């Protein structure tokens, strides 16, 4: 009886080990949906910028505050992943560029609340530059994980 139990446990352990994912495979699976959210947010941000002239300052402040909150959530979720060593640089670069972009979006919202067109214009220029950096970092991590690459 003891030999049988040991054999069954050994076989079960082997079966479980074969079903397990590597750290990188788990990261790739977990990052994919976050990458999709990031790409969707990029589209939403682009649409918000395109529609700036058709909205009130209060509506812009609310919209850009919401975008910053959503982007902060994605960045937080990316940071929470167990990042494998060979992807840490790419993930860190993406998170850092997202932090910069979140700050730019918050600056636009603040400028809209204060009805400060000059500050909004300056923040928009910063956002354009930082968005290029986010796109490059997102594309690099997407290529490394097999996730969808953003358009540019």
Protein backbone atom coordinates (compact mmCIF):
# COMPACT_ATOMS: atom_id res chain seq x y z
CA UNK A 1 0.00 0.00 0.00
CA UNK A 2 2.78 2.41 0.86
CA UNK A 3 4.57 1.79 -2.42
CA UNK A 4 1.40 2.45 -4.38
CA UNK A 5 0.75 5.74 -2.59
CA UNK A 6 4.32 6.87 -3.21
CA UNK A 7 4.00 5.97 -6.88
CA UNK A 8 0.71 7.82 -7.25
CA UNK A 9 2.14 10.89 -5.51
CA UNK A 10 5.23 10.81 -7.73
CA UNK A 11 3.12 10.57 -10.87
CA UNK A 12 0.88 13.37 -9.65
CA UNK A 13 3.91 15.57 -8.96
CA UNK A 14 5.25 14.91 -12.46
CA UNK A 15 1.88 15.70 -14.03
CA UNK A 16 1.60 18.95 -12.09
CA UNK A 17 5.13 19.95 -13.02
CA UNK A 18 4.42 19.36 -16.69
CA UNK A 19 1.31 21.56 -16.50
CA UNK A 20 3.07 24.47 -14.84
CA UNK A 21 4.06 27.61 -16.71
CA UNK A 22 7.43 29.22 -16.63
CA UNK A 23 7.72 32.69 -15.13
CA UNK A 24 8.03 34.19 -18.61
CA UNK A 25 5.04 32.28 -19.98
CA UNK A 26 2.91 33.51 -17.09
CA UNK A 27 4.12 37.08 -17.63
CA UNK A 28 3.33 36.88 -21.35
CA UNK A 29 -0.19 35.61 -20.57
CA UNK A 30 -0.77 38.28 -17.93
CA UNK A 31 0.77 41.16 -19.88
CA UNK A 32 -1.24 40.61 -23.08
CA UNK A 33 -4.57 41.96 -21.74
CA UNK A 34 -2.77 44.90 -20.10
CA UNK A 35 -1.11 45.69 -23.41
CA UNK A 36 -4.55 45.66 -25.05
CA UNK A 37 -5.86 48.07 -22.39
CA UNK A 38 -2.86 50.30 -22.98
CA UNK A 39 -3.48 50.38 -26.73
CA UNK A 40 -7.16 51.15 -26.16
CA UNK A 41 -6.25 53.98 -23.81
CA UNK A 42 -3.91 55.37 -26.45
CA UNK A 43 -6.80 55.47 -28.90
CA UNK A 44 -9.03 57.14 -26.31
CA UNK A 45 -6.35 59.72 -25.59
CA UNK A 46 -5.92 60.45 -29.28
CA UNK A 47 -9.67 60.91 -29.67
CA UNK A 48 -9.75 63.21 -26.64
CA UNK A 49 -7.01 65.37 -28.11
CA UNK A 50 -8.80 65.51 -31.48
CA UNK A 51 -12.00 66.71 -29.78
CA UNK A 52 -10.43 69.38 -27.57
CA UNK A 53 -11.94 72.28 -29.51
CA UNK A 54 -15.48 70.91 -29.14
CA UNK A 55 -15.52 70.61 -25.33
CA UNK A 56 -15.73 72.97 -22.41
CA UNK A 57 -12.80 73.37 -20.05
CA UNK A 58 -14.74 71.53 -17.34
CA UNK A 59 -15.50 68.61 -19.66
CA UNK A 60 -11.85 68.48 -20.73
CA UNK A 61 -10.69 68.48 -17.12
CA UNK A 62 -13.00 65.57 -16.31
CA UNK A 63 -12.05 63.63 -19.43
CA UNK A 64 -8.29 64.04 -19.00
CA UNK A 65 -8.50 63.29 -15.27
CA UNK A 66 -10.33 60.07 -16.12
CA UNK A 67 -7.74 59.14 -18.74
CA UNK A 68 -4.92 59.74 -16.24
CA UNK A 69 -6.69 57.55 -13.66
CA UNK A 70 -7.22 54.75 -16.15
CA UNK A 71 -3.62 54.92 -17.37
CA UNK A 72 -2.35 54.91 -13.78
CA UNK A 73 -4.40 51.74 -13.20
CA UNK A 74 -2.82 49.98 -16.19
CA UNK A 75 0.64 51.07 -15.08
CA UNK A 76 -0.03 49.80 -11.57
CA UNK A 77 -1.21 46.46 -12.96
CA UNK A 78 1.91 46.16 -15.12
CA UNK A 79 4.09 46.92 -12.10
CA UNK A 80 2.29 44.21 -10.10
CA UNK A 81 3.27 41.47 -12.56
CA UNK A 82 6.08 39.09 -11.65
CA UNK A 83 8.44 40.27 -14.37
CA UNK A 84 11.05 37.76 -15.52
CA UNK A 85 14.64 38.99 -15.44
CA UNK A 86 14.99 39.12 -19.22
CA UNK A 87 12.04 41.54 -19.52
CA UNK A 88 12.70 43.79 -16.51
CA UNK A 89 14.42 46.55 -18.46
CA UNK A 90 11.63 46.75 -21.03
CA UNK A 91 8.90 46.68 -18.38
CA UNK A 92 10.65 49.33 -16.28
CA UNK A 93 11.11 51.58 -19.32
CA UNK A 94 7.42 51.29 -20.14
CA UNK A 95 6.34 52.06 -16.58
CA UNK A 96 8.63 55.09 -16.39
CA UNK A 97 7.41 56.53 -19.69
CA UNK A 98 3.83 55.90 -18.58
CA UNK A 99 4.52 57.84 -15.38
CA UNK A 100 5.71 60.80 -17.46
CA UNK A 101 2.65 60.60 -19.69
CA UNK A 102 0.28 60.38 -16.73
CA UNK A 103 1.86 63.57 -15.39
CA UNK A 104 1.34 65.30 -18.75
CA UNK A 105 -2.32 64.25 -18.87
CA UNK A 106 -2.84 65.44 -15.29
CA UNK A 107 -1.21 68.75 -16.24
CA UNK A 108 -3.68 69.14 -19.12
CA UNK A 109 -6.59 68.44 -16.76
CA UNK A 110 -5.24 70.95 -14.25
CA UNK A 111 -4.78 73.58 -16.94
CA UNK A 112 -8.34 72.99 -18.16
CA UNK A 113 -9.70 73.36 -14.61
CA UNK A 114 -7.77 76.61 -14.29
CA UNK A 115 -8.76 77.74 -17.78
CA UNK A 116 -5.06 78.22 -18.53
CA UNK A 117 -4.63 77.77 -22.29
CA UNK A 118 -0.89 78.43 -22.14
CA UNK A 119 -0.31 75.70 -19.55
CA UNK A 120 -2.54 73.33 -21.52
CA UNK A 121 -0.53 73.97 -24.67
CA UNK A 122 2.77 73.36 -22.87
CA UNK A 123 1.46 70.12 -21.33
CA UNK A 124 0.20 69.00 -24.73
CA UNK A 125 3.65 69.51 -26.25
CA UNK A 126 5.14 67.42 -23.44
CA UNK A 127 2.46 64.79 -23.95
CA UNK A 128 3.31 64.51 -27.64
CA UNK A 129 6.99 63.89 -26.87
CA UNK A 130 6.29 61.48 -24.03
CA UNK A 131 3.71 59.61 -26.11
CA UNK A 132 6.44 58.79 -28.63
CA UNK A 133 8.52 57.34 -25.80
CA UNK A 134 5.57 55.29 -24.51
CA UNK A 135 4.89 53.97 -27.99
CA UNK A 136 8.52 52.90 -28.43
CA UNK A 137 8.63 51.24 -24.99
CA UNK A 138 5.26 49.56 -25.47
CA UNK A 139 6.30 48.23 -28.87
CA UNK A 140 9.56 46.87 -27.49
CA UNK A 141 7.83 44.99 -24.66
CA UNK A 142 5.04 43.87 -27.01
CA UNK A 143 7.55 42.38 -29.43
CA UNK A 144 9.34 40.62 -26.57
CA UNK A 145 6.09 39.09 -25.31
CA UNK A 146 4.21 38.51 -28.55
CA UNK A 147 1.58 41.10 -27.65
CA UNK A 148 0.05 43.45 -30.20
CA UNK A 149 2.35 46.25 -31.33
CA UNK A 150 0.90 49.76 -31.38
CA UNK A 151 0.48 51.82 -34.52
CA UNK A 152 2.68 54.77 -35.31
